[in-house]
Every structure is written in structure tokens, then in C-alpha cells.
Amino acid sequence: MIGKFAVVPGVFVAGIVWATALTGTPKVHAQDQQTPTQPSQTQQQPDNQQSSSQEASPEETSSRRRVKPRDYDKWTFNAGGGASLTNGTTTIFARGGGGIAAAGVTRNYSKYFGFRLDGQFDNLPLRNSALILAQAPGGNDHVYSVMLDPVFNIPATKVWSGYVLIGPSYFHRSGKLDSSQALPGAACNPFWVWWGGCYAGSLRLDGKFLRSSQDEFGENFGGGIARKIRPKVEIYGEFRYLHGSRNRITTDLRPITIGVRW
């Protein structure tokens, strides 16, 4: 009887150990299933960091923004012709209406401001009264001008615009008389002074007073209006005042020009 009871506790203890082993096995499996998930989370962290590092910086975003196109041309060119009116002392010896030819280029820094360089030829027909003073049957006179001006543009509409310019100028006035009955060393009259053929109040002794060649410096100012006829082409009308002087000899012109800008 006692032996039977002794076997029972042993069987009971063995059963408990066996049950404990069975119940412990799922825990081990649960831990084994949880541990692989930890590396997967750690692997996701670099991916998140990499995606965040690939996000565009503010500088890259701004550089990718669309650049606003210029509403003006960086370089423009002009060419035209017309006639000049004379002014000052020039009016006494040359009549107005002489033809002109002009061309230029403008470097624009904005829609409203630029620098313009012009070259111009002006014909100065001598008056009959001037030829009488020169004792000459005929002759010619003309002016070459170079002008560098700041130009201020005034857009009025999409079609019409205006502009104002002012700046320094260089003038080369030259001419030639067909012949003259004046004698070298004779006293100079006002025409010879303006012509540039005098030396110390008398005509040059070398007889080279038939030709005139003078360099003068001065200024110019004026303005004009322009009308667009094509997206890149305009016609313009311009009026300027030109003044040059050297050794009290002056040249004054008022050219009127009609031309094309592109």
C-alpha cells in the first residue's frame, strides 16, 4: 500500500516536469519569433534617413524654379537717315536741310536704362553768302559725329514708347573749296575764322586754307518716339541738338532722324 503511494508522487512529479517543459516551449518559440523583427526595424532606420537626405535643399529648390524671362533685349541696333537744321554760328555759313546718315548700338541694362553709341554723318551745304566771303565758286562741308549717351526708355504701351538721351560727343568737321581768289596772308573775315583757315588773324601763308579739318568736342541731347511694327522691330523718329567747339570755333546742328531699331 505504501509502495503504491510512493509511486504516485513520483508519477505526479514527472507529470509536472513534463507539463512544464511543454508550456516552456511556446515561450522559447515566441522569443525566437520576436528577435528577428528587431533587425528589420533597424534596417528601416537607414532607409528613412536616406529618404530624408534625398529631400531637396532650399537652394536646390530655388535653383529649380523657373527663371523669369527678360522683358527687354540686351542689345539693340538702329539705323536711319534724315536732315539737319543748323544753329548758332553754323547757320550763318551753312544752310539747313543737308542729308544725314546715322547708325548705332545700345547696351540695355534694364527695360528702362541703357548706353547708346552712335555714329552720324551730316552734310552742311555752304550758303552763297559764305562762298562770296570765301571768293570761291563752290565748295562742300560736312561733319562726322560720335556720341555716347545714357538712354532712358519710357514705355507707354505695348506698341508705343519714348526715350531721352544726353551725353558727350566728338565732332570732326571737314570741307573743301573748289578754288578761291583770296591771297595767302590776307586778313581773315568771319567765314575764314569759322572755316578754320586763319593763323594769327591772317590766311595761312602756305595756301592750304582751301581745305578745312577741325576736331571739336561737345555734347548732345534729345529724344524720340518709337512704334513697334514687329515683335523685334521698331520704327523711330528722333530729334537732337549737337554742339561742338574748339578754339572759339563752333559747330551747331539739330538733326532730325527717322529709322529702324531691332
Protein backbone atom coordinates (compact mmCIF):
# COMPACT_ATOMS: atom_id res chain seq x y z
CA MET A 1 0.00 0.00 0.00
CA ILE A 2 2.79 2.35 0.94
CA GLY A 3 4.61 1.39 -2.23
CA LYS A 4 1.62 2.37 -4.30
CA PHE A 5 1.52 5.81 -2.66
CA ALA A 6 5.27 6.21 -3.26
CA VAL A 7 4.82 5.57 -6.95
CA VAL A 8 2.02 8.11 -7.19
CA PRO A 9 4.10 11.11 -6.07
CA GLY A 10 6.86 10.10 -8.44
CA VAL A 11 4.44 9.89 -11.31
CA PHE A 12 2.91 13.20 -10.26
CA VAL A 13 6.29 14.92 -10.15
CA ALA A 14 7.24 13.51 -13.54
CA GLY A 15 3.98 14.78 -14.95
CA ILE A 16 4.62 18.27 -13.61
CA VAL A 17 8.11 18.36 -15.13
CA TRP A 18 6.78 17.15 -18.43
CA ALA A 19 3.96 19.75 -18.43
CA THR A 20 6.41 22.49 -17.54
CA ALA A 21 8.58 21.53 -20.45
CA LEU A 22 5.61 21.62 -22.75
CA THR A 23 4.47 25.04 -21.50
CA GLY A 24 8.03 26.49 -21.76
CA THR A 25 8.45 25.55 -25.38
CA PRO A 26 5.98 28.17 -26.80
CA LYS A 27 7.76 30.88 -24.81
CA VAL A 28 11.00 29.96 -26.44
CA HIS A 29 9.35 29.99 -29.83
CA ALA A 30 7.74 33.36 -29.07
CA GLN A 31 11.12 34.83 -28.20
CA ASP A 32 12.59 33.30 -31.32
CA GLN A 33 9.85 34.92 -33.40
CA GLN A 34 10.32 38.34 -31.76
CA THR A 35 14.09 38.57 -32.10
CA PRO A 36 14.16 38.55 -35.95
CA THR A 37 11.81 41.53 -36.01
CA GLN A 38 14.34 43.77 -34.26
CA PRO A 39 16.88 43.77 -37.10
CA SER A 40 14.13 44.58 -39.59
CA GLN A 41 13.31 47.74 -37.60
CA THR A 42 16.97 48.71 -37.51
CA GLN A 43 17.19 48.13 -41.24
CA GLN A 44 14.29 50.55 -41.79
CA GLN A 45 16.05 53.39 -39.96
CA PRO A 46 18.81 53.90 -42.59
CA ASP A 47 16.16 53.83 -45.30
CA ASN A 48 14.29 56.63 -43.54
CA GLN A 49 17.50 58.58 -43.10
CA GLN A 50 18.40 58.04 -46.75
CA SER A 51 14.99 59.24 -47.90
CA SER A 52 15.25 62.31 -45.71
CA SER A 53 18.75 63.04 -47.03
CA GLN A 54 17.44 62.81 -50.58
CA GLU A 55 14.93 65.60 -49.95
CA ALA A 56 15.82 68.75 -51.97
CA SER A 57 17.51 71.50 -50.05
CA PRO A 58 16.10 75.08 -50.26
CA GLU A 59 18.97 76.12 -52.56
CA GLU A 60 18.27 73.24 -54.94
CA THR A 61 14.56 74.02 -54.88
CA SER A 62 15.16 77.70 -55.67
CA SER A 63 17.57 76.79 -58.46
CA ARG A 64 14.93 74.57 -59.99
CA ARG A 65 12.41 77.38 -60.02
CA ARG A 66 11.61 78.75 -63.41
CA VAL A 67 13.70 81.83 -64.25
CA LYS A 68 11.58 84.81 -65.29
CA PRO A 69 12.35 85.75 -68.90
CA ARG A 70 13.74 89.23 -69.66
CA ASP A 71 11.20 91.73 -70.92
CA TYR A 72 13.87 93.60 -72.92
CA ASP A 73 16.63 92.87 -75.43
CA LYS A 74 20.17 93.03 -74.10
CA TRP A 75 21.46 94.53 -77.36
CA THR A 76 19.57 96.71 -79.85
CA PHE A 77 20.71 98.31 -83.09
CA ASN A 78 19.46 101.32 -85.01
CA ALA A 79 19.96 102.85 -88.44
CA GLY A 80 18.31 105.83 -90.05
CA GLY A 81 18.54 108.97 -92.11
CA GLY A 82 17.07 112.43 -92.36
CA ALA A 83 18.15 116.05 -92.48
CA SER A 84 19.82 118.61 -90.22
CA LEU A 85 18.85 122.10 -89.21
CA THR A 86 21.72 124.44 -88.38
CA ASN A 87 22.01 126.63 -85.32
CA GLY A 88 24.26 129.30 -83.87
CA THR A 89 27.20 130.48 -85.97
CA THR A 90 26.80 127.48 -88.27
CA THR A 91 23.52 128.98 -89.53
CA ILE A 92 25.40 131.98 -90.93
CA PHE A 93 27.60 129.91 -93.22
CA ALA A 94 25.69 126.65 -93.83
CA ARG A 95 22.05 126.20 -94.66
CA GLY A 96 19.77 123.61 -93.17
CA GLY A 97 18.35 120.64 -94.97
CA GLY A 98 21.57 118.75 -95.53
CA GLY A 99 21.16 114.99 -95.52
CA ILE A 100 22.30 112.79 -92.66
CA ALA A 101 23.00 109.08 -92.14
CA ALA A 102 23.15 107.53 -88.67
CA ALA A 103 23.71 104.14 -87.08
CA GLY A 104 24.14 102.98 -83.53
CA VAL A 105 24.12 100.20 -80.96
CA THR A 106 22.62 100.14 -77.46
CA ARG A 107 23.55 98.00 -74.47
CA ASN A 108 20.43 97.73 -72.34
CA TYR A 109 20.77 97.03 -68.62
CA SER A 110 17.04 97.07 -67.92
CA LYS A 111 13.77 97.84 -69.59
CA TYR A 112 14.28 101.50 -68.76
CA PHE A 113 18.03 102.20 -68.99
CA GLY A 114 20.97 101.58 -71.29
CA PHE A 115 24.02 103.10 -73.01
CA ARG A 116 23.88 104.02 -76.68
CA LEU A 117 26.79 104.61 -79.06
CA ASP A 118 26.04 106.44 -82.33
CA GLY A 119 27.96 107.43 -85.40
CA GLN A 120 26.49 110.10 -87.68
CA PHE A 121 27.27 111.93 -90.92
CA ASP A 122 25.81 115.41 -91.51
CA ASN A 123 26.09 117.29 -94.77
CA LEU A 124 26.46 121.08 -94.41
CA PRO A 125 25.71 122.85 -97.72
CA LEU A 126 27.55 126.19 -97.79
CA ARG A 127 25.43 129.29 -98.27
CA ASN A 128 26.00 131.54 -101.27
CA SER A 129 26.88 134.35 -98.87
CA ALA A 130 29.62 132.13 -97.38
CA LEU A 131 31.04 131.38 -100.84
CA ILE A 132 31.12 135.10 -101.61
CA LEU A 133 33.14 135.72 -98.43
CA ALA A 134 35.47 132.90 -99.44
CA GLN A 135 35.71 134.26 -103.01
CA ALA A 136 35.03 130.70 -104.15
CA PRO A 137 32.74 129.37 -106.92
CA GLY A 138 31.70 126.36 -104.86
CA GLY A 139 32.60 124.02 -102.07
CA ASN A 140 31.32 121.46 -99.58
CA ASP A 141 31.36 120.93 -95.83
CA HIS A 142 30.29 118.02 -93.60
CA VAL A 143 30.52 116.72 -90.04
CA TYR A 144 31.29 113.26 -88.66
CA SER A 145 29.97 112.74 -85.13
CA VAL A 146 30.47 110.08 -82.46
CA MET A 147 28.12 110.19 -79.47
CA LEU A 148 27.96 108.09 -76.31
CA ASP A 149 24.79 108.61 -74.30
CA PRO A 150 22.90 107.14 -71.38
CA VAL A 151 19.41 106.47 -72.75
CA PHE A 152 16.27 106.45 -70.62
CA ASN A 153 13.40 104.48 -72.10
CA ILE A 154 9.78 105.35 -71.36
CA PRO A 155 7.38 102.50 -72.28
CA ALA A 156 3.91 103.97 -72.84
CA THR A 157 2.02 100.99 -74.27
CA LYS A 158 2.87 97.63 -75.77
CA VAL A 159 3.27 99.39 -79.12
CA TRP A 160 4.44 102.94 -78.38
CA SER A 161 7.43 104.08 -76.35
CA GLY A 162 9.67 107.11 -75.93
CA TYR A 163 13.22 107.78 -74.88
CA VAL A 164 15.53 110.59 -73.78
CA LEU A 165 19.32 110.69 -74.17
CA ILE A 166 22.15 113.06 -73.30
CA GLY A 167 25.91 112.73 -73.31
CA PRO A 168 29.35 113.76 -74.62
CA SER A 169 30.22 113.99 -78.32
CA TYR A 170 33.17 114.19 -80.67
CA PHE A 171 32.91 116.06 -83.99
CA HIS A 172 35.18 116.14 -87.00
CA ARG A 173 34.19 118.90 -89.43
CA SER A 174 35.90 119.00 -92.79
CA GLY A 175 35.33 120.60 -96.18
CA LYS A 176 36.90 121.80 -99.41
CA LEU A 177 36.55 124.87 -101.59
CA ASP A 178 36.79 124.39 -105.34
CA SER A 179 39.12 127.39 -105.59
CA SER A 180 39.48 130.90 -104.17
CA GLN A 181 40.73 134.29 -105.27
CA ALA A 182 41.80 135.08 -101.71
CA LEU A 183 45.53 135.60 -101.29
CA PRO A 184 47.69 133.94 -98.61
CA GLY A 185 48.36 136.32 -95.73
CA ALA A 186 45.20 138.37 -96.36
CA ALA A 187 43.13 139.42 -93.38
CA CYS A 188 40.57 136.87 -92.27
CA ASN A 189 36.86 137.58 -92.42
CA PRO A 190 34.28 135.71 -90.24
CA PHE A 191 33.94 132.90 -92.78
CA TRP A 192 37.65 132.07 -92.71
CA VAL A 193 37.57 132.05 -88.91
CA TRP A 194 34.68 129.56 -88.89
CA TRP A 195 36.28 127.60 -91.73
CA GLY A 196 39.49 127.25 -89.73
CA GLY A 197 41.80 128.72 -92.38
CA CYS A 198 43.21 131.54 -90.25
CA TYR A 199 46.52 131.81 -88.43
CA ALA A 200 47.14 134.86 -86.23
CA GLY A 201 44.29 136.72 -87.93
CA SER A 202 45.51 136.07 -91.49
CA LEU A 203 45.07 133.40 -94.12
CA ARG A 204 47.72 130.74 -93.98
CA LEU A 205 50.82 131.57 -95.97
CA ASP A 206 51.19 128.02 -97.25
CA GLY A 207 47.93 128.40 -99.19
CA LYS A 208 46.30 125.40 -97.51
CA PHE A 209 43.24 127.37 -96.45
CA LEU A 210 41.11 125.84 -99.22
CA ARG A 211 40.65 122.74 -97.08
CA SER A 212 39.08 122.65 -93.65
CA SER A 213 39.73 119.97 -91.00
CA GLN A 214 38.71 120.56 -87.40
CA ASP A 215 38.24 118.36 -84.35
CA GLU A 216 35.76 119.54 -81.76
CA PHE A 217 34.33 118.20 -78.53
CA GLY A 218 30.96 118.95 -77.06
CA GLU A 219 27.67 117.42 -76.11
CA ASN A 220 24.34 116.30 -77.48
CA PHE A 221 20.88 115.77 -76.10
CA GLY A 222 17.48 114.92 -77.46
CA GLY A 223 14.83 112.25 -77.60
CA GLY A 224 12.47 110.32 -79.77
CA ILE A 225 9.42 108.12 -80.07
CA ALA A 226 9.22 104.54 -81.35
CA ARG A 227 6.44 102.33 -82.63
CA LYS A 228 6.69 98.56 -82.70
CA ILE A 229 5.78 97.04 -86.06
CA ARG A 230 7.02 93.51 -85.30
CA PRO A 231 7.95 91.72 -82.06
CA LYS A 232 11.63 92.62 -82.53
CA VAL A 233 11.43 95.61 -84.91
CA GLU A 234 10.52 99.26 -84.30
CA ILE A 235 10.46 102.44 -86.33
CA TYR A 236 11.55 105.62 -84.59
CA GLY A 237 11.66 109.37 -85.04
CA GLU A 238 14.34 111.36 -83.24
CA PHE A 239 15.38 114.96 -82.69
CA ARG A 240 18.74 116.02 -81.23
CA TYR A 241 20.79 119.10 -80.54
CA LEU A 242 24.55 118.81 -81.25
CA HIS A 243 27.12 121.35 -80.13
CA GLY A 244 30.88 121.21 -80.54
CA SER A 245 33.60 123.80 -80.03
CA ARG A 246 37.35 124.30 -80.08
CA ASN A 247 39.43 127.50 -80.05
CA ARG A 248 36.19 129.52 -80.14
CA ILE A 249 35.11 127.81 -83.36
CA THR A 250 31.72 126.13 -83.02
CA THR A 251 29.53 123.66 -84.86
CA ASP A 252 25.82 123.50 -84.04
CA LEU A 253 23.34 121.10 -85.59
CA ARG A 254 19.79 119.93 -84.97
CA PRO A 255 19.41 116.63 -86.81
CA ILE A 256 16.01 115.01 -87.39
CA THR A 257 16.26 111.26 -87.97
CA ILE A 258 13.78 108.55 -88.96
CA GLY A 259 14.96 104.98 -88.78
CA VAL A 260 14.57 101.38 -87.68
CA ARG A 261 15.53 99.66 -84.41
CA TRP A 262 15.90 95.92 -83.97
